[in-house]
Amino acid sequence: MSEQIKVAILEQKVVDFERLVLKLDDTITKMSEVNTNISRMIAVHEERISQQEKTDEVLFDKLDKLRDKIDNDHNALLNKINFLERKVWSAIGAISVVVILFNVKGQSIVKNLLSTIPTSVTIEEVQPFIRELP
């Protein structure tokens, strides 16, 4: 009987082991499916990332072009403003000259500045500031 008990125990262990092997087989199959699904998800995410990188590159190119255009427009406006500013100051100077020349007081000021009045000039000896000691 002891041999029959041992055989029965071994048969029971084999049955339990078969169940365990089947469970492991099912687990391996499920893990394989999960691995396949994860691989698909990674592929989809990589595609999205590459599309986003292309979109970013296009946007950065457009931003660079827009910045260059704005810089050119800004420089053109500065040149126009500087040109107009020079014209305004030239006009103000011309008007000032005309007003001074046609104004009576202005004419007398200009005459005094432009005419030379002869003055007598004398040279005197300079006295030293420090006296000599006796």
C-alpha atoms as a PDB file:
ATOM      1  CA  MET A   1       0.000   0.000   0.000  1.00  0.00           C
ATOM      2  CA  SER A   2       2.671   2.374   0.616  1.00  0.00           C
ATOM      3  CA  GLU A   3       3.706   2.078  -2.996  1.00  0.00           C
ATOM      4  CA  GLN A   4       0.168   2.797  -4.123  1.00  0.00           C
ATOM      5  CA  ILE A   5       0.075   5.825  -1.868  1.00  0.00           C
ATOM      6  CA  LYS A   6       3.362   7.022  -3.267  1.00  0.00           C
ATOM      7  CA  VAL A   7       2.088   6.516  -6.824  1.00  0.00           C
ATOM      8  CA  ALA A   8      -1.148   8.330  -5.976  1.00  0.00           C
ATOM      9  CA  ILE A   9       0.787  11.214  -4.450  1.00  0.00           C
ATOM     10  CA  LEU A  10       3.067  11.376  -7.508  1.00  0.00           C
ATOM     11  CA  GLU A  11       0.060  11.273  -9.840  1.00  0.00           C
ATOM     12  CA  GLN A  12      -1.526  14.102  -7.869  1.00  0.00           C
ATOM     13  CA  LYS A  13       1.707  16.078  -8.063  1.00  0.00           C
ATOM     14  CA  VAL A  14       1.895  15.474 -11.830  1.00  0.00           C
ATOM     15  CA  VAL A  15      -1.698  16.713 -12.203  1.00  0.00           C
ATOM     16  CA  ASP A  16      -0.891  19.786 -10.103  1.00  0.00           C
ATOM     17  CA  PHE A  17       2.277  20.324 -12.118  1.00  0.00           C
ATOM     18  CA  GLU A  18       0.288  20.061 -15.385  1.00  0.00           C
ATOM     19  CA  ARG A  19      -2.111  22.728 -14.121  1.00  0.00           C
ATOM     20  CA  LEU A  20       0.845  24.910 -13.177  1.00  0.00           C
ATOM     21  CA  VAL A  21       2.434  24.408 -16.625  1.00  0.00           C
ATOM     22  CA  LEU A  22      -0.878  25.313 -18.300  1.00  0.00           C
ATOM     23  CA  LYS A  23      -1.149  28.454 -16.182  1.00  0.00           C
ATOM     24  CA  LEU A  24       2.440  29.382 -17.044  1.00  0.00           C
ATOM     25  CA  ASP A  25       1.669  28.772 -20.716  1.00  0.00           C
ATOM     26  CA  ASP A  26      -1.412  31.025 -20.511  1.00  0.00           C
ATOM     27  CA  THR A  27       0.645  33.652 -18.690  1.00  0.00           C
ATOM     28  CA  ILE A  28       3.363  33.544 -21.355  1.00  0.00           C
ATOM     29  CA  THR A  29       0.715  33.912 -24.083  1.00  0.00           C
ATOM     30  CA  LYS A  30      -0.860  36.910 -22.332  1.00  0.00           C
ATOM     31  CA  MET A  31       2.543  38.499 -21.765  1.00  0.00           C
ATOM     32  CA  SER A  32       3.304  38.044 -25.461  1.00  0.00           C
ATOM     33  CA  GLU A  33       0.032  39.794 -26.352  1.00  0.00           C
ATOM     34  CA  VAL A  34       0.819  42.632 -23.943  1.00  0.00           C
ATOM     35  CA  ASN A  35       4.289  42.932 -25.463  1.00  0.00           C
ATOM     36  CA  THR A  36       2.778  43.146 -28.950  1.00  0.00           C
ATOM     37  CA  ASN A  37       0.294  45.813 -27.818  1.00  0.00           C
ATOM     38  CA  ILE A  38       3.044  47.839 -26.139  1.00  0.00           C
ATOM     39  CA  SER A  39       5.158  47.622 -29.312  1.00  0.00           C
ATOM     40  CA  ARG A  40       2.234  48.968 -31.342  1.00  0.00           C
ATOM     41  CA  MET A  41       1.676  51.801 -28.864  1.00  0.00           C
ATOM     42  CA  ILE A  42       5.365  52.722 -28.964  1.00  0.00           C
ATOM     43  CA  ALA A  43       5.294  52.750 -32.763  1.00  0.00           C
ATOM     44  CA  VAL A  44       2.239  55.029 -32.755  1.00  0.00           C
ATOM     45  CA  HIS A  45       3.876  57.386 -30.230  1.00  0.00           C
ATOM     46  CA  GLU A  46       7.114  57.486 -32.221  1.00  0.00           C
ATOM     47  CA  GLU A  47       5.132  58.404 -35.334  1.00  0.00           C
ATOM     48  CA  ARG A  48       3.341  61.170 -33.449  1.00  0.00           C
ATOM     49  CA  ILE A  49       6.633  62.475 -32.110  1.00  0.00           C
ATOM     50  CA  SER A  50       8.195  62.526 -35.587  1.00  0.00           C
ATOM     51  CA  GLN A  51       5.142  64.353 -36.990  1.00  0.00           C
ATOM     52  CA  GLN A  52       5.332  66.859 -34.128  1.00  0.00           C
ATOM     53  CA  GLU A  53       9.035  67.422 -34.829  1.00  0.00           C
ATOM     54  CA  LYS A  54       8.253  68.103 -38.502  1.00  0.00           C
ATOM     55  CA  THR A  55       5.496  70.502 -37.490  1.00  0.00           C
ATOM     56  CA  ASP A  56       7.844  72.250 -35.044  1.00  0.00           C
ATOM     57  CA  GLU A  57      10.486  72.604 -37.741  1.00  0.00           C
ATOM     58  CA  VAL A  58       7.973  74.183 -40.136  1.00  0.00           C
ATOM     59  CA  LEU A  59       6.757  76.558 -37.413  1.00  0.00           C
ATOM     60  CA  PHE A  60      10.295  77.592 -36.468  1.00  0.00           C
ATOM     61  CA  ASP A  61      11.095  78.261 -40.130  1.00  0.00           C
ATOM     62  CA  LYS A  62       8.005  80.433 -40.417  1.00  0.00           C
ATOM     63  CA  LEU A  63       8.940  82.278 -37.228  1.00  0.00           C
ATOM     64  CA  ASP A  64      12.450  82.928 -38.546  1.00  0.00           C
ATOM     65  CA  LYS A  65      11.069  84.288 -41.821  1.00  0.00           C
ATOM     66  CA  LEU A  66       8.584  86.472 -39.966  1.00  0.00           C
ATOM     67  CA  ARG A  67      11.333  87.816 -37.678  1.00  0.00           C
ATOM     68  CA  ASP A  68      13.495  88.639 -40.702  1.00  0.00           C
ATOM     69  CA  LYS A  69      10.596  90.427 -42.403  1.00  0.00           C
ATOM     70  CA  ILE A  70       9.826  92.409 -39.255  1.00  0.00           C
ATOM     71  CA  ASP A  71      13.505  93.365 -38.922  1.00  0.00           C
ATOM     72  CA  ASN A  72      13.580  94.567 -42.536  1.00  0.00           C
ATOM     73  CA  ASP A  73      10.362  96.547 -42.066  1.00  0.00           C
ATOM     74  CA  HIS A  74      11.716  98.061 -38.853  1.00  0.00           C
ATOM     75  CA  ASN A  75      14.945  99.134 -40.544  1.00  0.00           C
ATOM     76  CA  ALA A  76      13.020 100.642 -43.479  1.00  0.00           C
ATOM     77  CA  LEU A  77      10.824 102.627 -41.085  1.00  0.00           C
ATOM     78  CA  LEU A  78      13.861 103.870 -39.156  1.00  0.00           C
ATOM     79  CA  ASN A  79      15.471 105.043 -42.402  1.00  0.00           C
ATOM     80  CA  LYS A  80      12.291 106.908 -43.393  1.00  0.00           C
ATOM     81  CA  ILE A  81      12.010 108.523 -39.951  1.00  0.00           C
ATOM     82  CA  ASN A  82      15.673 109.610 -40.046  1.00  0.00           C
ATOM     83  CA  PHE A  83      15.201 111.069 -43.534  1.00  0.00           C
ATOM     84  CA  LEU A  84      12.098 113.006 -42.442  1.00  0.00           C
ATOM     85  CA  GLU A  85      13.850 114.196 -39.294  1.00  0.00           C
ATOM     86  CA  ARG A  86      16.761 115.588 -41.346  1.00  0.00           C
ATOM     87  CA  LYS A  87      14.300 117.354 -43.657  1.00  0.00           C
ATOM     88  CA  VAL A  88      12.408 118.871 -40.697  1.00  0.00           C
ATOM     89  CA  TRP A  89      15.609 120.179 -39.081  1.00  0.00           C
ATOM     90  CA  SER A  90      16.806 121.560 -42.415  1.00  0.00           C
ATOM     91  CA  ALA A  91      13.488 123.361 -42.875  1.00  0.00           C
ATOM     92  CA  ILE A  92      13.641 124.757 -39.323  1.00  0.00           C
ATOM     93  CA  GLY A  93      17.177 126.023 -39.971  1.00  0.00           C
ATOM     94  CA  ALA A  94      16.162 127.607 -43.291  1.00  0.00           C
ATOM     95  CA  ILE A  95      13.156 129.317 -41.695  1.00  0.00           C
ATOM     96  CA  SER A  96      15.350 130.603 -38.871  1.00  0.00           C
ATOM     97  CA  VAL A  97      17.852 132.083 -41.331  1.00  0.00           C
ATOM     98  CA  VAL A  98      15.080 133.758 -43.344  1.00  0.00           C
ATOM     99  CA  VAL A  99      13.485 135.216 -40.199  1.00  0.00           C
ATOM    100  CA  ILE A 100      16.796 136.577 -38.930  1.00  0.00           C
ATOM    101  CA  LEU A 101      17.728 138.106 -42.279  1.00  0.00           C
ATOM    102  CA  PHE A 102      14.370 139.828 -42.827  1.00  0.00           C
ATOM    103  CA  ASN A 103      13.917 140.989 -39.245  1.00  0.00           C
ATOM    104  CA  VAL A 104      15.212 144.520 -38.478  1.00  0.00           C
ATOM    105  CA  LYS A 105      16.826 143.537 -35.198  1.00  0.00           C
ATOM    106  CA  GLY A 106      18.213 140.433 -36.816  1.00  0.00           C
ATOM    107  CA  GLN A 107      19.792 142.524 -39.569  1.00  0.00           C
ATOM    108  CA  SER A 108      21.515 144.735 -37.043  1.00  0.00           C
ATOM    109  CA  ILE A 109      22.840 141.675 -35.161  1.00  0.00           C
ATOM    110  CA  VAL A 110      24.122 140.164 -38.394  1.00  0.00           C
ATOM    111  CA  LYS A 111      25.749 143.478 -39.391  1.00  0.00           C
ATOM    112  CA  ASN A 112      27.482 143.744 -36.023  1.00  0.00           C
ATOM    113  CA  LEU A 113      28.747 140.189 -36.309  1.00  0.00           C
ATOM    114  CA  LEU A 114      29.939 140.536 -39.869  1.00  0.00           C
ATOM    115  CA  SER A 115      31.358 144.046 -39.811  1.00  0.00           C
ATOM    116  CA  THR A 116      34.678 144.749 -38.225  1.00  0.00           C
ATOM    117  CA  ILE A 117      35.220 147.932 -36.272  1.00  0.00           C
ATOM    118  CA  PRO A 118      38.853 148.974 -36.143  1.00  0.00           C
ATOM    119  CA  THR A 119      39.998 149.254 -32.594  1.00  0.00           C
ATOM    120  CA  SER A 120      43.309 150.469 -31.327  1.00  0.00           C
ATOM    121  CA  VAL A 121      45.386 147.938 -29.597  1.00  0.00           C
ATOM    122  CA  THR A 122      48.130 148.782 -27.129  1.00  0.00           C
ATOM    123  CA  ILE A 123      50.578 146.462 -25.509  1.00  0.00           C
ATOM    124  CA  GLU A 124      51.480 147.222 -21.941  1.00  0.00           C
ATOM    125  CA  GLU A 125      54.277 145.854 -19.842  1.00  0.00           C
ATOM    126  CA  VAL A 126      53.158 143.261 -17.416  1.00  0.00           C
ATOM    127  CA  GLN A 127      54.159 143.836 -13.828  1.00  0.00           C
ATOM    128  CA  PRO A 128      55.271 140.754 -11.921  1.00  0.00           C
ATOM    129  CA  PHE A 129      53.004 139.778  -9.143  1.00  0.00           C
ATOM    130  CA  ILE A 130      55.790 138.658  -6.778  1.00  0.00           C
ATOM    131  CA  ARG A 131      58.211 141.321  -5.583  1.00  0.00           C
ATOM    132  CA  GLU A 132      61.849 140.655  -5.123  1.00  0.00           C
ATOM    133  CA  LEU A 133      63.173 140.582  -1.585  1.00  0.00           C
ATOM    134  CA  PRO A 134      65.816 143.229  -0.544  1.00  0.00           C
END
